[in-house]
């Protein structure tokens, strides 16, 4: 069993793995989203490149995963810094970029088994979840949002106007009349409140707390994980989301879900977060459902902290990705 072998690997050099591990059991499409206009820290644009520099693509191939690198999505036109109607910063640029990203995600998912998107700030989840939902209109995407933040602000509830704190609101049907979209009304909502679960929350704005409560969204704070235990939390999430062939699972993983001791180089770190081991457990349980179809890794910012901080964060991202896609838990 691939996972059983992978768990025994204690070193990062995977080149000498037995040929048994080289069987291509999964075809992954990798899309880069080097985008930073959803927040104010420039370095997050380099997230995809520093994650790739960890060598995780070769690691995946050596673990028997077939990988297609679709390159990066870049804006083909000048950025427009005009704010949205409720003060959403870089509103048009964020949404036009995400429209392009959505098309790339849809293409990757039609040609592979799973799309891995490397951000970039978390505003890119506007495009990734939308793109996933376009693959098969008869399917209902379900989302596991692993994050210190809920990212469900509206323009009018956001203290900062940063759109990396708003992607979930663009997808929720319950908020359809409250979100400021592009003039052609892109993007349209694609999930309802019962189709998303949160793990790792610990820093929410007051408006987000109210919306989550009013809509009845399943949400587990980091303190809930400690109180009831991660296995129980994951069991409740999977029972709630019920991933299946017609309910494909999408994980949007913000590296700041992990405690800053594990991943310091990120734009909005919050103490009291998940351990790396907990992060690996979350994605392994999701992988074990057999219905994980899309995975976002976002908010790695190598400009924050020193080189050791940047390396620690990018390696944490690498391990989470490998665990999600191939069950790898090596060093």
C-alpha atoms as a PDB file:
ATOM      1  CA  UNK A   1       0.000   0.000   0.000  1.00  0.00           C
ATOM      2  CA  UNK A   2       1.520   3.339  -1.094  1.00  0.00           C
ATOM      3  CA  UNK A   3       0.578   5.185   2.088  1.00  0.00           C
ATOM      4  CA  UNK A   4       2.035   2.479   4.329  1.00  0.00           C
ATOM      5  CA  UNK A   5       5.368   2.614   2.538  1.00  0.00           C
ATOM      6  CA  UNK A   6       5.440   6.411   2.428  1.00  0.00           C
ATOM      7  CA  UNK A   7       4.931   6.693   6.166  1.00  0.00           C
ATOM      8  CA  UNK A   8       8.138   4.721   6.713  1.00  0.00           C
ATOM      9  CA  UNK A   9      10.247   7.236   4.812  1.00  0.00           C
ATOM     10  CA  UNK A  10      12.328   9.254   7.243  1.00  0.00           C
ATOM     11  CA  UNK A  11      14.460  11.281   4.838  1.00  0.00           C
ATOM     12  CA  UNK A  12      13.674  13.753   2.076  1.00  0.00           C
ATOM     13  CA  UNK A  13      15.747  12.081  -0.640  1.00  0.00           C
ATOM     14  CA  UNK A  14      13.063  10.126  -2.482  1.00  0.00           C
ATOM     15  CA  UNK A  15      15.138   9.224  -5.542  1.00  0.00           C
ATOM     16  CA  UNK A  16      16.060   5.793  -4.204  1.00  0.00           C
ATOM     17  CA  UNK A  17      12.477   4.688  -3.490  1.00  0.00           C
ATOM     18  CA  UNK A  18      11.636   1.191  -4.763  1.00  0.00           C
ATOM     19  CA  UNK A  19      10.135   0.970  -8.201  1.00  0.00           C
ATOM     20  CA  UNK A  20       6.939  -0.216  -6.487  1.00  0.00           C
ATOM     21  CA  UNK A  21       6.241   3.366  -5.458  1.00  0.00           C
ATOM     22  CA  UNK A  22       6.543   4.672  -9.003  1.00  0.00           C
ATOM     23  CA  UNK A  23       3.152   3.461 -10.183  1.00  0.00           C
ATOM     24  CA  UNK A  24       1.099   6.389 -11.461  1.00  0.00           C
ATOM     25  CA  UNK A  25      -2.092   6.100  -9.443  1.00  0.00           C
ATOM     26  CA  UNK A  26      -3.100   9.753  -9.536  1.00  0.00           C
ATOM     27  CA  UNK A  27      -2.815  12.467 -12.173  1.00  0.00           C
ATOM     28  CA  UNK A  28      -2.402  15.933 -10.648  1.00  0.00           C
ATOM     29  CA  UNK A  29      -2.563  19.216 -12.520  1.00  0.00           C
ATOM     30  CA  UNK A  30      -0.611  22.061 -10.899  1.00  0.00           C
ATOM     31  CA  UNK A  31      -1.659  25.674 -11.483  1.00  0.00           C
ATOM     32  CA  UNK A  32       0.347  28.633 -10.221  1.00  0.00           C
ATOM     33  CA  UNK A  33      -1.522  31.707  -8.980  1.00  0.00           C
ATOM     34  CA  UNK A  34       1.169  34.335  -8.188  1.00  0.00           C
ATOM     35  CA  UNK A  35      -1.340  36.989  -7.159  1.00  0.00           C
ATOM     36  CA  UNK A  36      -1.125  39.529  -4.345  1.00  0.00           C
ATOM     37  CA  UNK A  37      -3.813  42.182  -4.868  1.00  0.00           C
ATOM     38  CA  UNK A  38      -6.171  40.619  -2.345  1.00  0.00           C
ATOM     39  CA  UNK A  39      -4.031  42.059   0.450  1.00  0.00           C
ATOM     40  CA  UNK A  40      -1.175  44.528   0.964  1.00  0.00           C
ATOM     41  CA  UNK A  41       2.002  42.446   1.302  1.00  0.00           C
ATOM     42  CA  UNK A  42       3.895  42.062  -1.962  1.00  0.00           C
ATOM     43  CA  UNK A  43       5.893  38.906  -1.251  1.00  0.00           C
ATOM     44  CA  UNK A  44       2.929  36.521  -1.303  1.00  0.00           C
ATOM     45  CA  UNK A  45       3.153  36.699  -5.095  1.00  0.00           C
ATOM     46  CA  UNK A  46       6.317  34.603  -4.790  1.00  0.00           C
ATOM     47  CA  UNK A  47       4.526  31.838  -2.890  1.00  0.00           C
ATOM     48  CA  UNK A  48       4.152  29.484  -5.876  1.00  0.00           C
ATOM     49  CA  UNK A  49       7.827  29.723  -6.820  1.00  0.00           C
ATOM     50  CA  UNK A  50       9.191  29.123  -3.304  1.00  0.00           C
ATOM     51  CA  UNK A  51       6.855  26.160  -2.811  1.00  0.00           C
ATOM     52  CA  UNK A  52       8.034  24.701  -6.111  1.00  0.00           C
ATOM     53  CA  UNK A  53      11.639  25.308  -5.060  1.00  0.00           C
ATOM     54  CA  UNK A  54      11.172  22.755  -2.261  1.00  0.00           C
ATOM     55  CA  UNK A  55      11.210  20.071  -4.955  1.00  0.00           C
ATOM     56  CA  UNK A  56       7.743  18.784  -4.164  1.00  0.00           C
ATOM     57  CA  UNK A  57       6.933  18.153  -7.848  1.00  0.00           C
ATOM     58  CA  UNK A  58       9.783  15.645  -8.082  1.00  0.00           C
ATOM     59  CA  UNK A  59       8.728  14.218  -4.729  1.00  0.00           C
ATOM     60  CA  UNK A  60       5.233  13.610  -6.093  1.00  0.00           C
ATOM     61  CA  UNK A  61       6.575  11.923  -9.208  1.00  0.00           C
ATOM     62  CA  UNK A  62       8.837   9.686  -7.118  1.00  0.00           C
ATOM     63  CA  UNK A  63       5.802   8.734  -5.041  1.00  0.00           C
ATOM     64  CA  UNK A  64       4.038   7.478  -8.147  1.00  0.00           C
ATOM     65  CA  UNK A  65       1.952  10.557  -8.940  1.00  0.00           C
ATOM     66  CA  UNK A  66       1.629  11.688 -12.557  1.00  0.00           C
ATOM     67  CA  UNK A  67       2.109  15.486 -12.584  1.00  0.00           C
ATOM     68  CA  UNK A  68       1.212  18.033 -15.258  1.00  0.00           C
ATOM     69  CA  UNK A  69       2.471  21.553 -14.559  1.00  0.00           C
ATOM     70  CA  UNK A  70       0.143  24.064 -16.220  1.00  0.00           C
ATOM     71  CA  UNK A  71       2.381  27.000 -15.364  1.00  0.00           C
ATOM     72  CA  UNK A  72       1.134  30.244 -13.846  1.00  0.00           C
ATOM     73  CA  UNK A  73      -1.911  32.394 -14.480  1.00  0.00           C
ATOM     74  CA  UNK A  74      -0.940  36.025 -15.076  1.00  0.00           C
ATOM     75  CA  UNK A  75      -2.985  39.096 -15.924  1.00  0.00           C
ATOM     76  CA  UNK A  76      -2.675  39.954 -19.650  1.00  0.00           C
ATOM     77  CA  UNK A  77      -3.752  43.558 -19.054  1.00  0.00           C
ATOM     78  CA  UNK A  78      -2.784  46.415 -16.693  1.00  0.00           C
ATOM     79  CA  UNK A  79      -3.959  46.202 -13.099  1.00  0.00           C
ATOM     80  CA  UNK A  80      -6.814  48.508 -12.105  1.00  0.00           C
ATOM     81  CA  UNK A  81      -6.602  49.775  -8.529  1.00  0.00           C
ATOM     82  CA  UNK A  82     -10.153  51.135  -8.434  1.00  0.00           C
ATOM     83  CA  UNK A  83     -12.033  50.051  -5.328  1.00  0.00           C
ATOM     84  CA  UNK A  84     -15.397  48.309  -5.438  1.00  0.00           C
ATOM     85  CA  UNK A  85     -18.745  49.874  -4.446  1.00  0.00           C
ATOM     86  CA  UNK A  86     -18.243  49.013  -0.764  1.00  0.00           C
ATOM     87  CA  UNK A  87     -14.526  49.747  -0.631  1.00  0.00           C
ATOM     88  CA  UNK A  88     -13.240  46.376  -1.820  1.00  0.00           C
ATOM     89  CA  UNK A  89      -9.589  47.069  -2.682  1.00  0.00           C
ATOM     90  CA  UNK A  90      -8.478  46.262  -6.249  1.00  0.00           C
ATOM     91  CA  UNK A  91     -12.003  44.966  -6.870  1.00  0.00           C
ATOM     92  CA  UNK A  92     -11.969  44.676 -10.669  1.00  0.00           C
ATOM     93  CA  UNK A  93      -8.403  43.346 -10.798  1.00  0.00           C
ATOM     94  CA  UNK A  94      -9.081  40.671  -8.178  1.00  0.00           C
ATOM     95  CA  UNK A  95     -12.209  39.430  -9.930  1.00  0.00           C
ATOM     96  CA  UNK A  96     -10.821  39.569 -13.476  1.00  0.00           C
ATOM     97  CA  UNK A  97      -7.749  37.654 -12.352  1.00  0.00           C
ATOM     98  CA  UNK A  98      -9.940  35.045 -10.689  1.00  0.00           C
ATOM     99  CA  UNK A  99     -12.021  34.642 -13.836  1.00  0.00           C
ATOM    100  CA  UNK A 100      -8.821  33.676 -15.686  1.00  0.00           C
ATOM    101  CA  UNK A 101      -7.783  31.388 -12.848  1.00  0.00           C
ATOM    102  CA  UNK A 102     -11.198  29.709 -12.801  1.00  0.00           C
ATOM    103  CA  UNK A 103     -10.814  28.821 -16.476  1.00  0.00           C
ATOM    104  CA  UNK A 104      -7.383  27.296 -15.815  1.00  0.00           C
ATOM    105  CA  UNK A 105      -8.691  25.245 -12.888  1.00  0.00           C
ATOM    106  CA  UNK A 106     -11.605  23.965 -14.960  1.00  0.00           C
ATOM    107  CA  UNK A 107      -9.234  22.939 -17.744  1.00  0.00           C
ATOM    108  CA  UNK A 108      -6.879  21.169 -15.338  1.00  0.00           C
ATOM    109  CA  UNK A 109      -9.737  19.269 -13.689  1.00  0.00           C
ATOM    110  CA  UNK A 110     -11.117  18.131 -17.033  1.00  0.00           C
ATOM    111  CA  UNK A 111      -7.709  16.758 -17.995  1.00  0.00           C
ATOM    112  CA  UNK A 112      -6.480  15.352 -14.651  1.00  0.00           C
ATOM    113  CA  UNK A 113      -7.784  13.764 -11.465  1.00  0.00           C
ATOM    114  CA  UNK A 114      -7.023  16.659  -9.112  1.00  0.00           C
ATOM    115  CA  UNK A 115      -6.081  20.309  -9.445  1.00  0.00           C
ATOM    116  CA  UNK A 116      -3.481  21.735  -7.051  1.00  0.00           C
ATOM    117  CA  UNK A 117      -3.406  25.540  -7.071  1.00  0.00           C
ATOM    118  CA  UNK A 118      -0.468  27.371  -5.508  1.00  0.00           C
ATOM    119  CA  UNK A 119      -1.136  30.910  -4.292  1.00  0.00           C
ATOM    120  CA  UNK A 120      -0.812  33.717  -3.907  1.00  0.00           C
ATOM    121  CA  UNK A 121      -3.148  35.286  -1.413  1.00  0.00           C
ATOM    122  CA  UNK A 122      -6.452  33.677  -0.438  1.00  0.00           C
ATOM    123  CA  UNK A 123      -8.513  35.820  -2.807  1.00  0.00           C
ATOM    124  CA  UNK A 124      -7.522  33.245  -5.450  1.00  0.00           C
ATOM    125  CA  UNK A 125     -10.088  30.886  -3.928  1.00  0.00           C
ATOM    126  CA  UNK A 126     -12.733  32.969  -5.698  1.00  0.00           C
ATOM    127  CA  UNK A 127     -11.381  31.477  -8.898  1.00  0.00           C
ATOM    128  CA  UNK A 128     -10.440  28.004  -7.729  1.00  0.00           C
ATOM    129  CA  UNK A 129     -13.798  27.098  -6.190  1.00  0.00           C
ATOM    130  CA  UNK A 130     -15.679  28.685  -9.087  1.00  0.00           C
ATOM    131  CA  UNK A 131     -13.523  26.807 -11.608  1.00  0.00           C
ATOM    132  CA  UNK A 132     -14.077  23.548  -9.764  1.00  0.00           C
ATOM    133  CA  UNK A 133     -17.839  24.081  -9.768  1.00  0.00           C
ATOM    134  CA  UNK A 134     -17.865  24.545 -13.559  1.00  0.00           C
ATOM    135  CA  UNK A 135     -16.473  21.096 -14.322  1.00  0.00           C
ATOM    136  CA  UNK A 136     -19.780  19.284 -13.986  1.00  0.00           C
ATOM    137  CA  UNK A 137     -23.004  21.276 -13.416  1.00  0.00           C
ATOM    138  CA  UNK A 138     -24.682  18.121 -12.064  1.00  0.00           C
ATOM    139  CA  UNK A 139     -22.193  17.890  -9.205  1.00  0.00           C
ATOM    140  CA  UNK A 140     -22.184  19.911  -5.988  1.00  0.00           C
ATOM    141  CA  UNK A 141     -18.714  20.920  -4.814  1.00  0.00           C
ATOM    142  CA  UNK A 142     -18.197  20.748  -1.034  1.00  0.00           C
ATOM    143  CA  UNK A 143     -15.458  22.785   0.626  1.00  0.00           C
ATOM    144  CA  UNK A 144     -13.211  22.215   3.628  1.00  0.00           C
ATOM    145  CA  UNK A 145     -11.731  25.604   4.543  1.00  0.00           C
ATOM    146  CA  UNK A 146      -8.635  25.216   6.731  1.00  0.00           C
ATOM    147  CA  UNK A 147      -7.695  28.667   7.978  1.00  0.00           C
ATOM    148  CA  UNK A 148      -7.251  30.935  10.968  1.00  0.00           C
ATOM    149  CA  UNK A 149      -9.743  33.270   9.282  1.00  0.00           C
ATOM    150  CA  UNK A 150     -13.236  32.713   7.886  1.00  0.00           C
ATOM    151  CA  UNK A 151     -12.748  34.877   4.764  1.00  0.00           C
ATOM    152  CA  UNK A 152     -16.504  35.437   4.533  1.00  0.00           C
ATOM    153  CA  UNK A 153     -16.522  39.226   4.819  1.00  0.00           C
ATOM    154  CA  UNK A 154     -18.598  41.406   2.554  1.00  0.00           C
ATOM    155  CA  UNK A 155     -17.234  44.702   1.389  1.00  0.00           C
ATOM    156  CA  UNK A 156     -19.416  46.468   3.916  1.00  0.00           C
ATOM    157  CA  UNK A 157     -18.318  44.255   6.842  1.00  0.00           C
ATOM    158  CA  UNK A 158     -14.581  44.224   6.130  1.00  0.00           C
ATOM    159  CA  UNK A 159     -12.501  46.566   8.305  1.00  0.00           C
ATOM    160  CA  UNK A 160      -9.627  46.519   5.784  1.00  0.00           C
ATOM    161  CA  UNK A 161     -11.296  46.168   2.388  1.00  0.00           C
ATOM    162  CA  UNK A 162      -8.775  43.423   1.542  1.00  0.00           C
ATOM    163  CA  UNK A 163     -10.423  40.869  -0.713  1.00  0.00           C
ATOM    164  CA  UNK A 164      -8.389  37.930   0.586  1.00  0.00           C
ATOM    165  CA  UNK A 165     -10.855  38.143   3.467  1.00  0.00           C
ATOM    166  CA  UNK A 166     -13.892  37.804   1.194  1.00  0.00           C
ATOM    167  CA  UNK A 167     -13.663  34.748  -1.116  1.00  0.00           C
ATOM    168  CA  UNK A 168     -16.226  32.593   0.705  1.00  0.00           C
ATOM    169  CA  UNK A 169     -18.868  35.313   0.477  1.00  0.00           C
ATOM    170  CA  UNK A 170     -18.678  35.259  -3.328  1.00  0.00           C
ATOM    171  CA  UNK A 171     -19.566  31.560  -3.364  1.00  0.00           C
ATOM    172  CA  UNK A 172     -22.444  31.452  -0.872  1.00  0.00           C
ATOM    173  CA  UNK A 173     -25.938  31.485  -2.313  1.00  0.00           C
ATOM    174  CA  UNK A 174     -27.231  32.923   0.969  1.00  0.00           C
ATOM    175  CA  UNK A 175     -25.160  36.081   0.339  1.00  0.00           C
ATOM    176  CA  UNK A 176     -25.924  36.383  -3.367  1.00  0.00           C
ATOM    177  CA  UNK A 177     -27.661  39.755  -3.068  1.00  0.00           C
ATOM    178  CA  UNK A 178     -24.996  41.282  -0.811  1.00  0.00           C
ATOM    179  CA  UNK A 179     -21.818  40.721  -2.847  1.00  0.00           C
ATOM    180  CA  UNK A 180     -20.482  43.221  -5.400  1.00  0.00           C
ATOM    181  CA  UNK A 181     -19.655  41.297  -8.547  1.00  0.00           C
ATOM    182  CA  UNK A 182     -18.376  42.355 -11.963  1.00  0.00           C
ATOM    183  CA  UNK A 183     -20.831  44.170 -14.266  1.00  0.00           C
ATOM    184  CA  UNK A 184     -21.658  40.860 -16.005  1.00  0.00           C
ATOM    185  CA  UNK A 185     -22.386  39.383 -12.534  1.00  0.00           C
ATOM    186  CA  UNK A 186     -19.365  37.104 -12.452  1.00  0.00           C
ATOM    187  CA  UNK A 187     -18.839  35.081 -10.331  1.00  0.00           C
ATOM    188  CA  UNK A 188     -22.147  33.467  -9.558  1.00  0.00           C
ATOM    189  CA  UNK A 189     -22.495  31.633  -6.218  1.00  0.00           C
ATOM    190  CA  UNK A 190     -21.933  27.890  -6.360  1.00  0.00           C
ATOM    191  CA  UNK A 191     -22.340  26.569  -2.795  1.00  0.00           C
ATOM    192  CA  UNK A 192     -24.798  26.924   0.054  1.00  0.00           C
ATOM    193  CA  UNK A 193     -23.999  27.224   3.737  1.00  0.00           C
ATOM    194  CA  UNK A 194     -24.306  23.478   4.298  1.00  0.00           C
ATOM    195  CA  UNK A 195     -21.609  22.812   1.686  1.00  0.00           C
ATOM    196  CA  UNK A 196     -18.679  24.283   3.637  1.00  0.00           C
ATOM    197  CA  UNK A 197     -16.907  23.427   6.889  1.00  0.00           C
ATOM    198  CA  UNK A 198     -14.185  25.388   8.655  1.00  0.00           C
ATOM    199  CA  UNK A 199     -11.285  24.026  10.711  1.00  0.00           C
ATOM    200  CA  UNK A 200      -8.743  26.107  12.621  1.00  0.00           C
ATOM    201  CA  UNK A 201     -10.574  29.404  13.097  1.00  0.00           C
ATOM    202  CA  UNK A 202      -9.248  31.845  15.683  1.00  0.00           C
ATOM    203  CA  UNK A 203      -9.302  35.399  14.264  1.00  0.00           C
ATOM    204  CA  UNK A 204     -12.673  36.555  12.888  1.00  0.00           C
ATOM    205  CA  UNK A 205     -14.219  39.962  12.392  1.00  0.00           C
ATOM    206  CA  UNK A 206     -17.508  40.576  14.246  1.00  0.00           C
ATOM    207  CA  UNK A 207     -19.528  40.573  11.031  1.00  0.00           C
ATOM    208  CA  UNK A 208     -18.110  37.184  10.081  1.00  0.00           C
ATOM    209  CA  UNK A 209     -19.030  35.692  13.437  1.00  0.00           C
ATOM    210  CA  UNK A 210     -22.615  36.864  12.992  1.00  0.00           C
ATOM    211  CA  UNK A 211     -22.888  35.573   9.426  1.00  0.00           C
ATOM    212  CA  UNK A 212     -21.518  32.142  10.297  1.00  0.00           C
ATOM    213  CA  UNK A 213     -23.963  31.858  13.177  1.00  0.00           C
ATOM    214  CA  UNK A 214     -26.949  33.173  11.204  1.00  0.00           C
ATOM    215  CA  UNK A 215     -26.305  30.850   8.247  1.00  0.00           C
ATOM    216  CA  UNK A 216     -25.562  27.830  10.440  1.00  0.00           C
ATOM    217  CA  UNK A 217     -22.190  27.148   8.842  1.00  0.00           C
ATOM    218  CA  UNK A 218     -20.242  24.311  10.430  1.00  0.00           C
ATOM    219  CA  UNK A 219     -17.196  25.949  11.999  1.00  0.00           C
ATOM    220  CA  UNK A 220     -14.538  24.509  14.291  1.00  0.00           C
ATOM    221  CA  UNK A 221     -12.204  26.905  16.033  1.00  0.00           C
ATOM    222  CA  UNK A 222      -8.671  25.881  16.956  1.00  0.00           C
ATOM    223  CA  UNK A 223      -9.925  25.666  20.538  1.00  0.00           C
ATOM    224  CA  UNK A 224     -12.576  23.144  19.444  1.00  0.00           C
ATOM    225  CA  UNK A 225      -9.834  20.956  17.975  1.00  0.00           C
ATOM    226  CA  UNK A 226      -8.065  20.992  21.326  1.00  0.00           C
ATOM    227  CA  UNK A 227     -11.261  20.496  23.327  1.00  0.00           C
ATOM    228  CA  UNK A 228     -12.882  17.589  21.465  1.00  0.00           C
ATOM    229  CA  UNK A 229      -9.902  16.267  19.534  1.00  0.00           C
ATOM    230  CA  UNK A 230      -9.074  16.404  15.849  1.00  0.00           C
ATOM    231  CA  UNK A 231     -10.405  12.917  14.993  1.00  0.00           C
ATOM    232  CA  UNK A 232     -13.855  13.895  16.278  1.00  0.00           C
ATOM    233  CA  UNK A 233     -13.736  17.209  14.419  1.00  0.00           C
ATOM    234  CA  UNK A 234     -12.789  15.514  11.167  1.00  0.00           C
ATOM    235  CA  UNK A 235     -15.460  12.881  11.597  1.00  0.00           C
ATOM    236  CA  UNK A 236     -18.094  15.586  12.028  1.00  0.00           C
ATOM    237  CA  UNK A 237     -16.786  17.511   9.010  1.00  0.00           C
ATOM    238  CA  UNK A 238     -16.835  14.493   6.710  1.00  0.00           C
ATOM    239  CA  UNK A 239     -20.285  13.473   7.941  1.00  0.00           C
ATOM    240  CA  UNK A 240     -21.495  17.010   7.286  1.00  0.00           C
ATOM    241  CA  UNK A 241     -19.916  17.475   3.858  1.00  0.00           C
ATOM    242  CA  UNK A 242     -20.520  13.889   2.683  1.00  0.00           C
ATOM    243  CA  UNK A 243     -17.953  13.944  -0.139  1.00  0.00           C
ATOM    244  CA  UNK A 244     -18.774  11.561  -2.961  1.00  0.00           C
ATOM    245  CA  UNK A 245     -18.422  11.253  -6.706  1.00  0.00           C
ATOM    246  CA  UNK A 246     -21.227  13.782  -7.138  1.00  0.00           C
ATOM    247  CA  UNK A 247     -20.055  15.893  -4.187  1.00  0.00           C
ATOM    248  CA  UNK A 248     -16.358  16.404  -5.011  1.00  0.00           C
ATOM    249  CA  UNK A 249     -14.245  17.766  -2.170  1.00  0.00           C
ATOM    250  CA  UNK A 250     -12.289  21.003  -2.427  1.00  0.00           C
ATOM    251  CA  UNK A 251      -9.747  21.901   0.280  1.00  0.00           C
ATOM    252  CA  UNK A 252      -8.637  25.508   0.570  1.00  0.00           C
ATOM    253  CA  UNK A 253      -5.660  25.478   2.943  1.00  0.00           C
ATOM    254  CA  UNK A 254      -4.288  28.766   4.232  1.00  0.00           C
ATOM    255  CA  UNK A 255      -0.833  28.187   5.694  1.00  0.00           C
ATOM    256  CA  UNK A 256      -1.771  30.508   8.570  1.00  0.00           C
ATOM    257  CA  UNK A 257      -4.071  27.743   9.835  1.00  0.00           C
ATOM    258  CA  UNK A 258      -0.843  26.381  11.296  1.00  0.00           C
ATOM    259  CA  UNK A 259       0.650  27.991  14.367  1.00  0.00           C
ATOM    260  CA  UNK A 260       3.315  30.628  13.578  1.00  0.00           C
ATOM    261  CA  UNK A 261       5.858  28.331  15.209  1.00  0.00           C
ATOM    262  CA  UNK A 262       5.228  25.972  12.282  1.00  0.00           C
ATOM    263  CA  UNK A 263       4.711  28.527   9.488  1.00  0.00           C
ATOM    264  CA  UNK A 264       5.934  32.030  10.396  1.00  0.00           C
ATOM    265  CA  UNK A 265       6.241  33.536   6.906  1.00  0.00           C
ATOM    266  CA  UNK A 266       2.636  34.446   6.243  1.00  0.00           C
ATOM    267  CA  UNK A 267       0.784  37.744   6.121  1.00  0.00           C
ATOM    268  CA  UNK A 268      -1.691  37.363   8.985  1.00  0.00           C
ATOM    269  CA  UNK A 269      -0.212  34.923  11.519  1.00  0.00           C
ATOM    270  CA  UNK A 270      -2.240  34.159  14.635  1.00  0.00           C
ATOM    271  CA  UNK A 271      -0.858  32.334  17.651  1.00  0.00           C
ATOM    272  CA  UNK A 272      -2.622  29.277  19.036  1.00  0.00           C
ATOM    273  CA  UNK A 273      -2.947  27.510  15.700  1.00  0.00           C
ATOM    274  CA  UNK A 274      -2.810  23.944  14.472  1.00  0.00           C
ATOM    275  CA  UNK A 275       0.350  21.892  14.680  1.00  0.00           C
ATOM    276  CA  UNK A 276       1.902  20.626  11.475  1.00  0.00           C
ATOM    277  CA  UNK A 277       0.944  17.106  12.503  1.00  0.00           C
ATOM    278  CA  UNK A 278      -2.688  18.213  12.811  1.00  0.00           C
ATOM    279  CA  UNK A 279      -2.509  19.829   9.390  1.00  0.00           C
ATOM    280  CA  UNK A 280      -1.201  16.594   7.902  1.00  0.00           C
ATOM    281  CA  UNK A 281      -3.933  14.591   9.613  1.00  0.00           C
ATOM    282  CA  UNK A 282      -6.632  16.872   8.199  1.00  0.00           C
ATOM    283  CA  UNK A 283      -5.545  16.463   4.604  1.00  0.00           C
ATOM    284  CA  UNK A 284      -4.890  12.732   4.985  1.00  0.00           C
ATOM    285  CA  UNK A 285      -8.434  12.133   6.193  1.00  0.00           C
ATOM    286  CA  UNK A 286      -9.733  14.175   3.267  1.00  0.00           C
ATOM    287  CA  UNK A 287      -7.551  12.206   0.868  1.00  0.00           C
ATOM    288  CA  UNK A 288      -8.790   8.913   2.317  1.00  0.00           C
ATOM    289  CA  UNK A 289     -12.349   9.737   1.224  1.00  0.00           C
ATOM    290  CA  UNK A 290     -11.251   9.136  -2.359  1.00  0.00           C
ATOM    291  CA  UNK A 291     -13.149  12.246  -3.471  1.00  0.00           C
ATOM    292  CA  UNK A 292     -10.598  15.034  -3.096  1.00  0.00           C
ATOM    293  CA  UNK A 293     -10.555  16.830  -6.446  1.00  0.00           C
ATOM    294  CA  UNK A 294      -9.061  20.253  -5.758  1.00  0.00           C
ATOM    295  CA  UNK A 295      -6.543  21.633  -3.290  1.00  0.00           C
ATOM    296  CA  UNK A 296      -5.402  25.229  -2.736  1.00  0.00           C
ATOM    297  CA  UNK A 297      -2.245  26.144  -0.812  1.00  0.00           C
ATOM    298  CA  UNK A 298      -2.137  29.869  -0.132  1.00  0.00           C
ATOM    299  CA  UNK A 299      -0.562  32.770   1.798  1.00  0.00           C
ATOM    300  CA  UNK A 300       3.061  31.589   1.868  1.00  0.00           C
ATOM    301  CA  UNK A 301       5.052  34.839   1.863  1.00  0.00           C
ATOM    302  CA  UNK A 302       8.863  34.409   1.763  1.00  0.00           C
ATOM    303  CA  UNK A 303       9.439  38.155   2.272  1.00  0.00           C
ATOM    304  CA  UNK A 304       8.232  37.963   5.875  1.00  0.00           C
ATOM    305  CA  UNK A 305      10.695  36.951   8.570  1.00  0.00           C
ATOM    306  CA  UNK A 306      14.208  35.686   7.922  1.00  0.00           C
ATOM    307  CA  UNK A 307      15.411  32.974   5.557  1.00  0.00           C
ATOM    308  CA  UNK A 308      14.904  30.268   8.150  1.00  0.00           C
ATOM    309  CA  UNK A 309      11.293  31.414   8.634  1.00  0.00           C
ATOM    310  CA  UNK A 310      10.707  31.313   4.882  1.00  0.00           C
ATOM    311  CA  UNK A 311      12.237  27.844   4.594  1.00  0.00           C
ATOM    312  CA  UNK A 312      10.227  26.532   7.533  1.00  0.00           C
ATOM    313  CA  UNK A 313       6.994  27.832   5.999  1.00  0.00           C
ATOM    314  CA  UNK A 314       7.630  26.552   2.488  1.00  0.00           C
ATOM    315  CA  UNK A 315       8.605  23.132   3.861  1.00  0.00           C
ATOM    316  CA  UNK A 316       5.408  23.029   5.910  1.00  0.00           C
ATOM    317  CA  UNK A 317       3.467  23.757   2.715  1.00  0.00           C
ATOM    318  CA  UNK A 318       5.414  21.025   0.918  1.00  0.00           C
ATOM    319  CA  UNK A 319       4.605  18.421   3.570  1.00  0.00           C
ATOM    320  CA  UNK A 320       0.910  19.320   3.657  1.00  0.00           C
ATOM    321  CA  UNK A 321       0.706  19.038  -0.141  1.00  0.00           C
ATOM    322  CA  UNK A 322       2.538  15.715  -0.233  1.00  0.00           C
ATOM    323  CA  UNK A 323       0.365  14.320   2.536  1.00  0.00           C
ATOM    324  CA  UNK A 324      -2.811  15.463   0.773  1.00  0.00           C
ATOM    325  CA  UNK A 325      -1.851  14.061  -2.606  1.00  0.00           C
ATOM    326  CA  UNK A 326       0.286  11.024  -1.828  1.00  0.00           C
ATOM    327  CA  UNK A 327      -0.001  10.248   1.879  1.00  0.00           C
ATOM    328  CA  UNK A 328       3.635  11.186   2.454  1.00  0.00           C
ATOM    329  CA  UNK A 329       4.769  12.021   5.990  1.00  0.00           C
ATOM    330  CA  UNK A 330       8.539  12.097   5.569  1.00  0.00           C
ATOM    331  CA  UNK A 331      10.947  14.769   6.776  1.00  0.00           C
END
